[in-house]
C-alpha atoms as a PDB file:
ATOM      1  CA  MET A   1     -38.291 -62.396-204.094  1.00  0.00           C
ATOM      2  CA  MET A   2     -37.476 -59.142-202.092  1.00  0.00           C
ATOM      3  CA  GLU A   3     -37.625 -61.697-198.997  1.00  0.00           C
ATOM      4  CA  LEU A   4     -34.571 -63.727-200.538  1.00  0.00           C
ATOM      5  CA  LEU A   5     -33.122 -60.180-202.176  1.00  0.00           C
ATOM      6  CA  ALA A   6     -32.837 -59.142-197.537  1.00  0.00           C
ATOM      7  CA  LEU A   7     -31.703 -62.566-196.584  1.00  0.00           C
ATOM      8  CA  TYR A   8     -29.142 -63.034-199.432  1.00  0.00           C
ATOM      9  CA  TYR A   9     -27.559 -59.601-198.443  1.00  0.00           C
ATOM     10  CA  LYS A  10     -27.439 -60.718-195.016  1.00  0.00           C
ATOM     11  CA  ILE A  11     -25.343 -63.311-195.995  1.00  0.00           C
ATOM     12  CA  TYR A  12     -22.708 -61.798-197.501  1.00  0.00           C
ATOM     13  CA  THR A  13     -22.118 -59.393-195.719  1.00  0.00           C
ATOM     14  CA  ASP A  14     -21.846 -61.684-192.798  1.00  0.00           C
ATOM     15  CA  ARG A  15     -25.141 -60.564-190.926  1.00  0.00           C
ATOM     16  CA  VAL A  16     -27.356 -63.797-191.330  1.00  0.00           C
ATOM     17  CA  GLN A  17     -29.069 -65.952-188.030  1.00  0.00           C
ATOM     18  CA  PRO A  18     -30.747 -69.650-188.696  1.00  0.00           C
ATOM     19  CA  THR A  19     -33.809 -67.025-187.421  1.00  0.00           C
ATOM     20  CA  ASP A  20     -33.680 -65.425-190.829  1.00  0.00           C
ATOM     21  CA  TYR A  21     -33.267 -68.465-192.710  1.00  0.00           C
ATOM     22  CA  VAL A  22     -36.917 -69.643-191.479  1.00  0.00           C
ATOM     23  CA  LYS A  23     -38.429 -66.253-191.314  1.00  0.00           C
ATOM     24  CA  TRP A  24     -38.193 -66.633-195.197  1.00  0.00           C
ATOM     25  CA  ALA A  25     -38.947 -70.023-195.667  1.00  0.00           C
ATOM     26  CA  TYR A  26     -42.092 -69.114-193.680  1.00  0.00           C
ATOM     27  CA  HIS A  27     -42.732 -65.795-196.670  1.00  0.00           C
ATOM     28  CA  ALA A  28     -42.762 -68.777-199.046  1.00  0.00           C
ATOM     29  CA  LEU A  29     -44.347 -71.271-198.070  1.00  0.00           C
ATOM     30  CA  TYR A  30     -47.886 -70.439-201.337  1.00  0.00           C
ATOM     31  CA  LEU A  31     -44.587 -71.889-203.386  1.00  0.00           C
ATOM     32  CA  ASP A  32     -45.890 -75.168-202.143  1.00  0.00           C
ATOM     33  CA  ASP A  33     -42.535 -76.856-201.851  1.00  0.00           C
ATOM     34  CA  LEU A  34     -41.626 -80.005-199.078  1.00  0.00           C
ATOM     35  CA  ASN A  35     -38.140 -78.145-198.313  1.00  0.00           C
ATOM     36  CA  VAL A  36     -39.620 -74.873-197.856  1.00  0.00           C
ATOM     37  CA  LYS A  37     -42.386 -76.681-195.348  1.00  0.00           C
ATOM     38  CA  LYS A  38     -39.935 -78.214-193.741  1.00  0.00           C
ATOM     39  CA  LEU A  39     -37.982 -74.857-193.126  1.00  0.00           C
ATOM     40  CA  ALA A  40     -40.436 -73.283-191.965  1.00  0.00           C
ATOM     41  CA  SER A  41     -41.536 -75.825-189.514  1.00  0.00           C
ATOM     42  CA  MET A  42     -37.856 -74.528-187.612  1.00  0.00           C
ATOM     43  CA  SER A  43     -39.642 -73.401-184.315  1.00  0.00           C
ATOM     44  CA  MET A  44     -37.551 -70.029-184.017  1.00  0.00           C
ATOM     45  CA  LYS A  45     -37.978 -70.356-179.927  1.00  0.00           C
ATOM     46  CA  GLU A  46     -35.147 -73.264-180.388  1.00  0.00           C
ATOM     47  CA  GLN A  47     -32.017 -72.472-180.405  1.00  0.00           C
ATOM     48  CA  LEU A  48     -31.741 -74.135-183.538  1.00  0.00           C
ATOM     49  CA  ASN A  49     -28.188 -75.030-185.577  1.00  0.00           C
ATOM     50  CA  ILE A  50     -26.740 -72.608-188.695  1.00  0.00           C
ATOM     51  CA  PHE A  51     -25.669 -75.658-190.278  1.00  0.00           C
ATOM     52  CA  GLU A  52     -28.655 -78.024-190.197  1.00  0.00           C
ATOM     53  CA  ILE A  53     -30.731 -74.433-191.090  1.00  0.00           C
ATOM     54  CA  GLU A  54     -28.409 -73.671-193.473  1.00  0.00           C
ATOM     55  CA  GLN A  55     -28.437 -77.515-195.525  1.00  0.00           C
ATOM     56  CA  MET A  56     -32.118 -77.064-195.074  1.00  0.00           C
ATOM     57  CA  PHE A  57     -31.916 -73.459-196.879  1.00  0.00           C
ATOM     58  CA  GLU A  58     -29.413 -74.917-199.516  1.00  0.00           C
ATOM     59  CA  ASP A  59     -32.544 -78.296-200.524  1.00  0.00           C
ATOM     60  CA  ALA A  60     -35.355 -75.669-200.650  1.00  0.00           C
ATOM     61  CA  MET A  61     -33.195 -73.604-203.204  1.00  0.00           C
ATOM     62  CA  ASN A  62     -32.380 -76.758-205.010  1.00  0.00           C
ATOM     63  CA  SER A  63     -35.972 -77.989-205.093  1.00  0.00           C
ATOM     64  CA  LEU A  64     -37.373 -74.757-206.030  1.00  0.00           C
ATOM     65  CA  GLN A  65     -34.149 -74.141-208.622  1.00  0.00           C
ATOM     66  CA  ARG A  66     -34.777 -70.248-208.001  1.00  0.00           C
ATOM     67  CA  GLU A  67     -30.827 -68.476-209.250  1.00  0.00           C
ATOM     68  CA  ILE A  68     -29.271 -66.710-206.753  1.00  0.00           C
ATOM     69  CA  PRO A  69     -28.884 -62.829-206.778  1.00  0.00           C
ATOM     70  CA  SER A  70     -25.457 -61.624-206.372  1.00  0.00           C
ATOM     71  CA  LYS A  71     -23.945 -59.294-204.060  1.00  0.00           C
ATOM     72  CA  GLU A  72     -25.086 -56.811-206.539  1.00  0.00           C
ATOM     73  CA  GLN A  73     -28.087 -57.119-206.323  1.00  0.00           C
ATOM     74  CA  CYS A  74     -28.509 -57.460-202.950  1.00  0.00           C
ATOM     75  CA  ILE A  75     -27.136 -54.464-201.608  1.00  0.00           C
ATOM     76  CA  ASP A  76     -29.219 -51.794-204.424  1.00  0.00           C
ATOM     77  CA  PHE A  77     -31.596 -53.350-203.106  1.00  0.00           C
ATOM     78  CA  HIS A  78     -30.632 -52.705-199.010  1.00  0.00           C
ATOM     79  CA  LEU A  79     -30.122 -49.446-200.259  1.00  0.00           C
ATOM     80  CA  GLN A  80     -33.500 -49.217-202.364  1.00  0.00           C
ATOM     81  CA  GLN A  81     -35.305 -49.944-199.149  1.00  0.00           C
ATOM     82  CA  LEU A  82     -33.342 -47.663-196.591  1.00  0.00           C
ATOM     83  CA  HIS A  83     -34.291 -45.061-199.032  1.00  0.00           C
ATOM     84  CA  VAL A  84     -37.886 -45.662-199.231  1.00  0.00           C
ATOM     85  CA  ARG A  85     -38.206 -45.066-195.701  1.00  0.00           C
ATOM     86  CA  LEU A  86     -36.744 -41.115-196.087  1.00  0.00           C
ATOM     87  CA  LEU A  87     -39.863 -40.651-198.663  1.00  0.00           C
ATOM     88  CA  THR A  88     -41.886 -39.518-195.739  1.00  0.00           C
ATOM     89  CA  PRO A  89     -40.538 -38.406-192.259  1.00  0.00           C
ATOM     90  CA  THR A  90     -38.947 -40.593-189.452  1.00  0.00           C
ATOM     91  CA  GLU A  91     -37.054 -39.727-186.242  1.00  0.00           C
ATOM     92  CA  HIS A  92     -34.841 -41.314-187.817  1.00  0.00           C
ATOM     93  CA  ALA A  93     -33.894 -39.853-190.649  1.00  0.00           C
ATOM     94  CA  MET A  94     -30.348 -38.951-190.141  1.00  0.00           C
ATOM     95  CA  THR A  95     -29.728 -42.759-188.938  1.00  0.00           C
ATOM     96  CA  ILE A  96     -30.476 -44.029-192.213  1.00  0.00           C
ATOM     97  CA  VAL A  97     -28.884 -41.601-194.016  1.00  0.00           C
ATOM     98  CA  LYS A  98     -25.915 -42.299-192.248  1.00  0.00           C
ATOM     99  CA  GLU A  99     -26.341 -46.581-192.678  1.00  0.00           C
ATOM    100  CA  ILE A 100     -27.311 -45.436-196.546  1.00  0.00           C
ATOM    101  CA  TYR A 101     -23.492 -43.362-197.047  1.00  0.00           C
ATOM    102  CA  ASP A 102     -21.726 -45.847-194.550  1.00  0.00           C
ATOM    103  CA  CYS A 103     -23.069 -48.686-197.109  1.00  0.00           C
ATOM    104  CA  ALA A 104     -21.956 -47.394-199.568  1.00  0.00           C
ATOM    105  CA  ILE A 105     -18.213 -46.349-198.635  1.00  0.00           C
ATOM    106  CA  GLN A 106     -17.739 -50.151-196.961  1.00  0.00           C
ATOM    107  CA  HIS A 107     -18.681 -51.398-201.156  1.00  0.00           C
ATOM    108  CA  GLU A 108     -17.451 -48.702-202.582  1.00  0.00           C
ATOM    109  CA  LEU A 109     -20.150 -47.068-204.624  1.00  0.00           C
ATOM    110  CA  LEU A 110     -18.735 -43.839-205.129  1.00  0.00           C
ATOM    111  CA  GLU A 111     -21.909 -42.431-207.123  1.00  0.00           C
ATOM    112  CA  GLU A 112     -23.767 -43.040-204.029  1.00  0.00           C
ATOM    113  CA  GLN A 113     -21.516 -41.978-201.686  1.00  0.00           C
ATOM    114  CA  ILE A 114     -21.907 -38.661-203.593  1.00  0.00           C
ATOM    115  CA  LYS A 115     -24.973 -38.516-203.814  1.00  0.00           C
ATOM    116  CA  TRP A 116     -25.452 -38.185-199.843  1.00  0.00           C
ATOM    117  CA  GLN A 117     -22.236 -36.413-199.618  1.00  0.00           C
ATOM    118  CA  GLY A 118     -24.114 -33.239-199.155  1.00  0.00           C
ATOM    119  CA  ILE A 119     -26.589 -34.442-196.699  1.00  0.00           C
ATOM    120  CA  SER A 120     -23.728 -36.155-194.478  1.00  0.00           C
ATOM    121  CA  ASP A 121     -21.382 -33.714-194.114  1.00  0.00           C
ATOM    122  CA  VAL A 122     -24.505 -31.160-193.248  1.00  0.00           C
ATOM    123  CA  MET A 123     -24.909 -34.266-189.908  1.00  0.00           C
ATOM    124  CA  ASP A 124     -21.248 -34.482-189.349  1.00  0.00           C
ATOM    125  CA  ASP A 125     -21.027 -30.512-188.703  1.00  0.00           C
ATOM    126  CA  PHE A 126     -24.400 -30.720-186.105  1.00  0.00           C
ATOM    127  CA  GLN A 127     -23.555 -32.992-184.700  1.00  0.00           C
ATOM    128  CA  TYR A 128     -19.745 -33.067-184.552  1.00  0.00           C
ATOM    129  CA  GLY A 129     -18.489 -29.820-185.841  1.00  0.00           C
ATOM    130  CA  ASP A 130     -19.518 -25.493-184.735  1.00  0.00           C
ATOM    131  CA  ASN A 131     -22.962 -25.994-186.568  1.00  0.00           C
ATOM    132  CA  ASP A 132     -22.081 -21.883-188.233  1.00  0.00           C
ATOM    133  CA  HIS A 133     -24.986 -22.293-190.289  1.00  0.00           C
ATOM    134  CA  GLY A 134     -27.674 -23.224-187.091  1.00  0.00           C
ATOM    135  CA  TYR A 135     -29.303 -26.063-188.219  1.00  0.00           C
ATOM    136  CA  THR A 136     -32.011 -27.617-186.169  1.00  0.00           C
ATOM    137  CA  LEU A 137     -32.758 -31.438-186.150  1.00  0.00           C
ATOM    138  CA  ASP A 138     -36.517 -30.539-187.763  1.00  0.00           C
ATOM    139  CA  LYS A 139     -34.608 -28.647-190.880  1.00  0.00           C
ATOM    140  CA  ILE A 140     -32.213 -31.096-190.864  1.00  0.00           C
ATOM    141  CA  HIS A 141     -35.203 -33.718-190.989  1.00  0.00           C
ATOM    142  CA  GLN A 142     -36.631 -31.372-193.920  1.00  0.00           C
ATOM    143  CA  MET A 143     -33.510 -31.836-196.157  1.00  0.00           C
ATOM    144  CA  ILE A 144     -33.309 -35.311-195.799  1.00  0.00           C
ATOM    145  CA  VAL A 145     -36.403 -35.919-196.909  1.00  0.00           C
ATOM    146  CA  THR A 146     -36.523 -33.552-199.609  1.00  0.00           C
ATOM    147  CA  HIS A 147     -33.291 -34.710-201.353  1.00  0.00           C
ATOM    148  CA  ALA A 148     -34.712 -38.393-200.806  1.00  0.00           C
ATOM    149  CA  ARG A 149     -37.363 -37.777-202.468  1.00  0.00           C
ATOM    150  CA  LYS A 150     -35.417 -35.604-206.054  1.00  0.00           C
ATOM    151  CA  LEU A 151     -33.406 -38.932-206.341  1.00  0.00           C
ATOM    152  CA  TRP A 152     -35.621 -41.189-205.531  1.00  0.00           C
ATOM    153  CA  HIS A 153     -38.226 -39.745-209.160  1.00  0.00           C
ATOM    154  CA  THR A 154     -34.785 -38.769-210.829  1.00  0.00           C
ATOM    155  CA  LYS A 155     -33.008 -42.125-210.561  1.00  0.00           C
ATOM    156  CA  ALA A 156     -31.433 -43.429-213.587  1.00  0.00           C
ATOM    157  CA  SER A 157     -31.355 -47.014-214.082  1.00  0.00           C
ATOM    158  CA  LYS A 158     -27.837 -48.588-214.323  1.00  0.00           C
ATOM    159  CA  ILE A 159     -28.894 -50.514-218.548  1.00  0.00           C
ATOM    160  CA  ASP A 160     -26.861 -49.469-220.813  1.00  0.00           C
ATOM    161  CA  PHE A 161     -28.904 -48.708-223.937  1.00  0.00           C
ATOM    162  CA  LYS A 162     -25.367 -48.024-226.131  1.00  0.00           C
ATOM    163  CA  GLU A 163     -27.242 -50.250-228.925  1.00  0.00           C
ATOM    164  CA  PHE A 164     -29.509 -48.313-229.946  1.00  0.00           C
ATOM    165  CA  ILE A 165     -27.904 -44.889-229.151  1.00  0.00           C
ATOM    166  CA  GLY A 166     -26.744 -44.441-233.644  1.00  0.00           C
ATOM    167  CA  GLN A 167     -30.522 -46.194-234.971  1.00  0.00           C
ATOM    168  CA  LYS A 168     -32.680 -44.013-237.206  1.00  0.00           C
ATOM    169  CA  ILE A 169     -36.550 -44.550-236.883  1.00  0.00           C
ATOM    170  CA  ILE A 170     -37.229 -45.984-240.578  1.00  0.00           C
ATOM    171  CA  ALA A 171     -41.506 -46.091-239.167  1.00  0.00           C
ATOM    172  CA  ILE A 172     -44.217 -46.926-237.688  1.00  0.00           C
ATOM    173  CA  ASP A 173     -46.766 -49.606-237.365  1.00  0.00           C
ATOM    174  CA  THR A 174     -49.677 -48.602-235.441  1.00  0.00           C
ATOM    175  CA  GLU A 175     -52.608 -51.769-236.567  1.00  0.00           C
ATOM    176  CA  ILE A 176     -52.229 -53.523-233.541  1.00  0.00           C
ATOM    177  CA  HIS A 177     -50.213 -51.269-231.010  1.00  0.00           C
ATOM    178  CA  PHE A 178     -48.024 -47.800-231.565  1.00  0.00           C
ATOM    179  CA  ILE A 179     -44.725 -49.644-233.027  1.00  0.00           C
ATOM    180  CA  ILE A 180     -42.012 -47.607-233.908  1.00  0.00           C
ATOM    181  CA  GLN A 181     -39.293 -49.380-235.770  1.00  0.00           C
ATOM    182  CA  PHE A 182     -35.568 -48.786-235.877  1.00  0.00           C
ATOM    183  CA  LYS A 183     -33.447 -50.471-237.956  1.00  0.00           C
ATOM    184  CA  LYS A 184     -32.560 -53.362-235.649  1.00  0.00           C
ATOM    185  CA  GLY A 185     -34.974 -53.581-233.461  1.00  0.00           C
ATOM    186  CA  SER A 186     -38.696 -51.526-232.115  1.00  0.00           C
ATOM    187  CA  LEU A 187     -40.284 -50.449-229.479  1.00  0.00           C
ATOM    188  CA  VAL A 188     -43.480 -51.791-228.491  1.00  0.00           C
ATOM    189  CA  ILE A 189     -45.552 -49.224-226.781  1.00  0.00           C
ATOM    190  CA  GLU A 190     -48.585 -50.505-224.873  1.00  0.00           C
ATOM    191  CA  CYS A 191     -48.541 -48.054-222.458  1.00  0.00           C
ATOM    192  CA  PRO A 192     -49.756 -44.059-222.294  1.00  0.00           C
ATOM    193  CA  TRP A 193     -46.927 -41.566-223.785  1.00  0.00           C
ATOM    194  CA  ARG A 194     -46.535 -38.029-225.471  1.00  0.00           C
ATOM    195  CA  ILE A 195     -43.605 -36.314-227.528  1.00  0.00           C
ATOM    196  CA  ARG A 196     -42.143 -33.417-226.705  1.00  0.00           C
ATOM    197  CA  ASP A 197     -39.468 -30.841-227.473  1.00  0.00           C
ATOM    198  CA  THR A 198     -37.760 -28.207-225.703  1.00  0.00           C
ATOM    199  CA  ASP A 199     -40.400 -25.951-225.564  1.00  0.00           C
ATOM    200  CA  GLY A 200     -43.916 -28.421-223.907  1.00  0.00           C
ATOM    201  CA  ILE A 201     -45.609 -31.399-225.568  1.00  0.00           C
ATOM    202  CA  LEU A 202     -45.910 -32.302-228.992  1.00  0.00           C
ATOM    203  CA  LEU A 203     -48.906 -34.589-229.098  1.00  0.00           C
ATOM    204  CA  GLY A 204     -49.935 -37.814-226.833  1.00  0.00           C
ATOM    205  CA  GLU A 205     -52.464 -40.488-226.730  1.00  0.00           C
ATOM    206  CA  THR A 206     -55.271 -39.148-225.688  1.00  0.00           C
ATOM    207  CA  ASP A 207     -54.747 -36.462-229.168  1.00  0.00           C
ATOM    208  CA  ILE A 208     -55.016 -40.076-230.688  1.00  0.00           C
ATOM    209  CA  LEU A 209     -57.101 -41.570-229.626  1.00  0.00           C
ATOM    210  CA  SER A 210     -59.775 -38.177-230.213  1.00  0.00           C
ATOM    211  CA  ASN A 211     -58.703 -37.463-233.498  1.00  0.00           C
ATOM    212  CA  GLN A 212     -56.732 -40.633-235.376  1.00  0.00           C
ATOM    213  CA  GLN A 213     -55.346 -39.200-237.937  1.00  0.00           C
ATOM    214  CA  GLU A 214     -53.049 -37.327-235.601  1.00  0.00           C
ATOM    215  CA  TRP A 215     -50.804 -40.767-236.606  1.00  0.00           C
ATOM    216  CA  ARG A 216     -49.564 -39.061-239.422  1.00  0.00           C
ATOM    217  CA  THR A 217     -47.991 -35.724-237.203  1.00  0.00           C
ATOM    218  CA  VAL A 218     -46.355 -38.786-235.292  1.00  0.00           C
ATOM    219  CA  ASN A 219     -44.975 -39.587-238.618  1.00  0.00           C
ATOM    220  CA  GLU A 220     -43.137 -36.781-239.512  1.00  0.00           C
ATOM    221  CA  LEU A 221     -42.175 -36.198-235.886  1.00  0.00           C
ATOM    222  CA  LEU A 222     -40.224 -39.290-235.298  1.00  0.00           C
ATOM    223  CA  VAL A 223     -39.784 -41.348-239.221  1.00  0.00           C
ATOM    224  CA  GLY A 224     -36.119 -40.413-240.643  1.00  0.00           C
ATOM    225  CA  ARG A 225     -34.705 -39.211-236.787  1.00  0.00           C
ATOM    226  CA  THR A 226     -31.604 -40.687-234.961  1.00  0.00           C
ATOM    227  CA  ILE A 227     -31.463 -41.849-231.987  1.00  0.00           C
ATOM    228  CA  GLU A 228     -29.024 -39.845-230.001  1.00  0.00           C
ATOM    229  CA  ASP A 229     -30.268 -40.737-225.804  1.00  0.00           C
ATOM    230  CA  VAL A 230     -32.024 -43.432-224.504  1.00  0.00           C
ATOM    231  CA  GLN A 231     -32.680 -42.985-220.836  1.00  0.00           C
ATOM    232  CA  LEU A 232     -35.067 -45.171-217.986  1.00  0.00           C
ATOM    233  CA  LEU A 233     -35.733 -43.488-215.426  1.00  0.00           C
ATOM    234  CA  GLU A 234     -36.138 -46.744-212.799  1.00  0.00           C
ATOM    235  CA  GLN A 235     -38.325 -45.748-209.759  1.00  0.00           C
ATOM    236  CA  CYS A 236     -40.909 -43.841-212.254  1.00  0.00           C
ATOM    237  CA  PRO A 237     -41.221 -45.851-214.594  1.00  0.00           C
ATOM    238  CA  ILE A 238     -40.667 -43.370-217.212  1.00  0.00           C
ATOM    239  CA  LEU A 239     -38.374 -44.198-220.427  1.00  0.00           C
ATOM    240  CA  ILE A 240     -37.098 -41.405-222.619  1.00  0.00           C
ATOM    241  CA  VAL A 241     -35.909 -41.499-226.172  1.00  0.00           C
ATOM    242  CA  GLN A 242     -34.149 -38.735-227.367  1.00  0.00           C
ATOM    243  CA  CYS A 243     -33.486 -37.761-230.601  1.00  0.00           C
ATOM    244  CA  GLY A 244     -32.280 -34.188-231.329  1.00  0.00           C
ATOM    245  CA  ASN A 245     -34.712 -32.019-230.139  1.00  0.00           C
ATOM    246  CA  ILE A 246     -37.557 -34.361-229.789  1.00  0.00           C
ATOM    247  CA  PHE A 247     -38.206 -36.437-226.814  1.00  0.00           C
ATOM    248  CA  LEU A 248     -40.156 -40.103-226.441  1.00  0.00           C
ATOM    249  CA  ASP A 249     -41.590 -40.057-223.333  1.00  0.00           C
ATOM    250  CA  VAL A 250     -42.837 -43.826-222.192  1.00  0.00           C
ATOM    251  CA  PHE A 251     -44.839 -44.330-218.940  1.00  0.00           C
ATOM    252  CA  HIS A 252     -46.593 -47.299-218.032  1.00  0.00           C
ATOM    253  CA  ALA A 253     -50.054 -46.856-216.337  1.00  0.00           C
ATOM    254  CA  SER A 254     -51.022 -50.180-214.743  1.00  0.00           C
ATOM    255  CA  SER A 255     -50.463 -52.938-212.400  1.00  0.00           C
ATOM    256  CA  TYR A 256     -51.776 -55.836-214.061  1.00  0.00           C
ATOM    257  CA  PHE A 257     -50.229 -55.622-218.088  1.00  0.00           C
ATOM    258  CA  ASP A 258     -46.901 -55.351-219.545  1.00  0.00           C
ATOM    259  CA  GLY A 259     -46.388 -51.301-221.134  1.00  0.00           C
ATOM    260  CA  TRP A 260     -43.338 -51.099-223.171  1.00  0.00           C
ATOM    261  CA  THR A 261     -40.823 -53.469-224.569  1.00  0.00           C
ATOM    262  CA  LEU A 262     -37.372 -52.439-226.445  1.00  0.00           C
ATOM    263  CA  THR A 263     -36.208 -55.265-228.921  1.00  0.00           C
ATOM    264  CA  ASP A 264     -33.297 -55.234-230.502  1.00  0.00           C
ATOM    265  CA  GLU A 265     -32.352 -57.295-233.703  1.00  0.00           C
ATOM    266  CA  GLU A 266     -32.324 -60.501-231.869  1.00  0.00           C
ATOM    267  CA  ASP A 267     -34.334 -60.370-229.014  1.00  0.00           C
ATOM    268  CA  PHE A 268     -36.753 -58.332-226.372  1.00  0.00           C
ATOM    269  CA  TYR A 269     -33.562 -55.948-225.028  1.00  0.00           C
ATOM    270  CA  VAL A 270     -35.327 -54.753-222.628  1.00  0.00           C
ATOM    271  CA  PHE A 271     -39.504 -54.522-220.262  1.00  0.00           C
ATOM    272  CA  SER A 272     -42.059 -52.692-218.689  1.00  0.00           C
ATOM    273  CA  MET A 273     -43.852 -55.901-217.158  1.00  0.00           C
ATOM    274  CA  HIS A 274     -47.325 -55.167-214.649  1.00  0.00           C
ATOM    275  CA  GLY A 275     -46.484 -53.087-211.937  1.00  0.00           C
ATOM    276  CA  GLY A 276     -43.777 -51.002-213.939  1.00  0.00           C
ATOM    277  CA  SER A 277     -40.988 -53.361-212.765  1.00  0.00           C
ATOM    278  CA  ILE A 278     -38.285 -53.772-215.685  1.00  0.00           C
ATOM    279  CA  ALA A 279     -36.790 -57.116-217.180  1.00  0.00           C
END
C-alpha cells in the first residue's frame, strides 16, 4: 500500500515517470498477478513508452481490483514520509522542512503550514535575514528534530467522533473482553488501558490482572458518565475518551492482534488493527 500511495502522489503532482510504474509492479510481485508480472518485467534500462506503461498499470490495477487512493491520502502519506526523516538527526533537515512547508502551501493545508511556520521563519532568518538570534546550523538542526518529534507524538487523527459525544456509558461487560457499552454503540478493548483523572492514574489493566475485584471500581468510575470528548493520537496510537475529569486511555501493544473496536449503533465505526494501524 505504501508503494501505491507514493506512486499516486507522483501521478497527482505530475511527477510520475514510466520507471515509477515498473518499480511499483516489482514491489507488488508478491500478489502473484499476471498483469503485475508483465509490468514488472519491463526493463528500466530501455526507453519506455509512457502511454504503453500507463495502460499496463491500469490493466494491473483492474486485475487486482484495487481502490485508487485519493489525492488527499497521497499528500498525507507524502508529508508523513518527509516527517519521519526528521525524527532522527539528518544533514538534510532544512531541505526536508522546506519541502514540507512548500507542499502545505501548494495544497492549501493551512493547519500543516502553521505547524511548521515557526521553524520556517527561523530558517529564513538564518539563511536570508540578519540572524539577530545568532542561530547556528547545529542549533537549527536540533530545533527541527525537537519540533518534529513533538508534532509526531501529538498528531491528532482527522477522524470525527461526533457520534459518541454526549452519549452516556450505560454498562461495562468483562466476561470475554472489556466492553464499554454506550446508549448507541460500544468500545471493545482487547489491549492495554488505564483510567486517570487530572492528578494521575487511578486504575489500569495491570491492577485488574492482580485483583479481579477492581472491576467494581471500573464500573463506579465509568458507568453513568457522559462522553465529552474522544481523541485519537494517530502516530502512537492512543485513543482517549474523556468523561468530565475522567480519562480512559486505550493503547495498542501488539503487531499481531487487533487492539480495540469502536462501534456505533449500526456497525464498526473505527478500530485499531494489528500493528496499531487505524481502519
